[in-house]
Every structure is written in C-alpha cells, then in structure tokens.
Protein backbone atom coordinates (compact mmCIF):
# COMPACT_ATOMS: atom_id res chain seq x y z
CA MET A 1 1.40 16.45 -6.97
CA GLU A 2 2.06 15.09 -3.50
CA PRO A 3 5.19 16.22 -1.69
CA LEU A 4 8.10 13.77 -1.47
CA ILE A 5 8.20 11.88 1.84
CA ALA A 6 11.86 11.78 2.83
CA ASN A 7 11.47 9.79 6.05
CA GLN A 8 11.48 6.05 5.19
CA SER A 9 9.46 5.09 8.28
CA GLU A 10 6.76 7.60 7.42
CA LEU A 11 6.74 6.43 3.81
CA ARG A 12 6.29 2.78 4.87
CA GLU A 13 3.55 3.69 7.35
CA LYS A 14 1.59 5.82 4.89
CA GLY A 15 2.12 3.31 2.10
CA PHE A 16 0.83 0.40 4.14
CA ARG A 17 -2.07 2.46 5.47
CA ALA A 18 -3.08 3.36 1.89
CA LEU A 19 -2.78 -0.28 0.85
CA ALA A 20 -4.78 -1.47 3.87
CA ASP A 21 -7.45 1.17 3.25
CA ALA A 22 -7.78 0.00 -0.35
CA LEU A 23 -7.56 -3.76 0.21
CA GLY A 24 -8.25 -4.34 3.89
CA TRP A 25 -5.58 -5.51 6.36
CA VAL A 26 -5.65 -9.19 5.45
CA ASN A 27 -5.43 -8.65 1.71
CA ALA A 28 -2.77 -5.94 2.14
CA VAL A 29 -0.58 -8.42 4.04
CA ARG A 30 -1.27 -11.14 1.44
CA PHE A 31 -0.28 -8.69 -1.31
CA LEU A 32 2.97 -7.72 0.42
CA ARG A 33 3.92 -11.36 1.01
CA GLN A 34 4.06 -11.80 -2.78
CA TYR A 35 7.17 -9.60 -2.77
CA ASP A 36 9.20 -11.63 -0.30
CA PRO A 37 12.74 -11.70 -1.69
CA GLY A 38 13.18 -15.33 -0.61
CA VAL A 39 16.47 -16.90 0.34
CA GLY A 40 19.43 -18.37 -1.45
CA ASN A 41 21.14 -17.50 -4.70
CA TYR A 42 19.13 -18.64 -7.72
CA THR A 43 22.00 -17.85 -10.09
CA GLU A 44 24.19 -20.39 -8.30
CA GLU A 45 21.41 -22.89 -7.54
CA ARG A 46 19.91 -23.04 -11.03
CA THR A 47 22.72 -25.29 -12.24
CA SER A 48 21.39 -27.98 -9.90
CA ILE A 49 17.74 -27.16 -10.68
CA LEU A 50 17.78 -26.86 -14.46
CA PRO A 51 18.79 -29.72 -16.72
CA ASP A 52 22.13 -29.54 -18.48
CA ASP A 53 20.61 -30.79 -21.75
CA PRO A 54 21.30 -29.03 -25.05
CA LEU A 55 18.57 -26.78 -26.44
CA GLU A 56 17.59 -29.35 -29.08
CA ALA A 57 16.85 -31.95 -26.41
CA LEU A 58 14.70 -29.50 -24.46
CA THR A 59 12.71 -28.39 -27.49
CA GLY A 60 12.22 -32.03 -28.48
CA GLU A 61 10.85 -32.79 -25.01
CA ILE A 62 8.50 -29.80 -25.21
CA GLU A 63 7.21 -30.99 -28.59
CA ARG A 64 6.72 -34.52 -27.21
CA ILE A 65 4.71 -33.21 -24.24
CA GLN A 66 2.59 -30.95 -26.46
CA SER A 67 1.91 -33.81 -28.86
CA GLN A 68 0.89 -36.07 -25.98
CA ALA A 69 -1.41 -33.35 -24.62
CA ARG A 70 -3.12 -32.98 -28.01
CA GLN A 71 -3.67 -36.75 -28.19
CA ASP A 72 -5.13 -36.83 -24.69
CA ARG A 73 -7.83 -34.27 -25.57
C-alpha cells in the first residue's frame, strides 16, 4: 500500500503526472476538463429550464415521440 500524501500540491502533481503518463498530456487534460464544476446554480435554474407540466403530460409526450420514432423506421 502506498503511503498517504498529505501535501495537496504534491498529490495534485503526482496525480496529474500519473494521468499524463497513462494517457498522454493532451488526453489527460481532455479527461480533467470533463470534471469542470461549471457555473451557476442548477437547482435554482432548473425551474426555468424544465417544463412545469404534470407527470402525465410528460409521459404522454414521451409516448408520442416514441410512437413517432417507431413509425419513422
């Protein structure tokens, strides 16, 4: 078992070096960019993003879209 690295800077450096050794620098950076926390507050913003329809209306729309997709095949 590896010893615990207490220093956060050392942990970040060794972690990125291990990732870069395994994936290469470009892919390591691409991988890390997937974990960008983003901006804003989704909990507050989702009321403007998501429809305010009742569950029955949403499931009806899903069924309509699925039915249309089956017909288009």
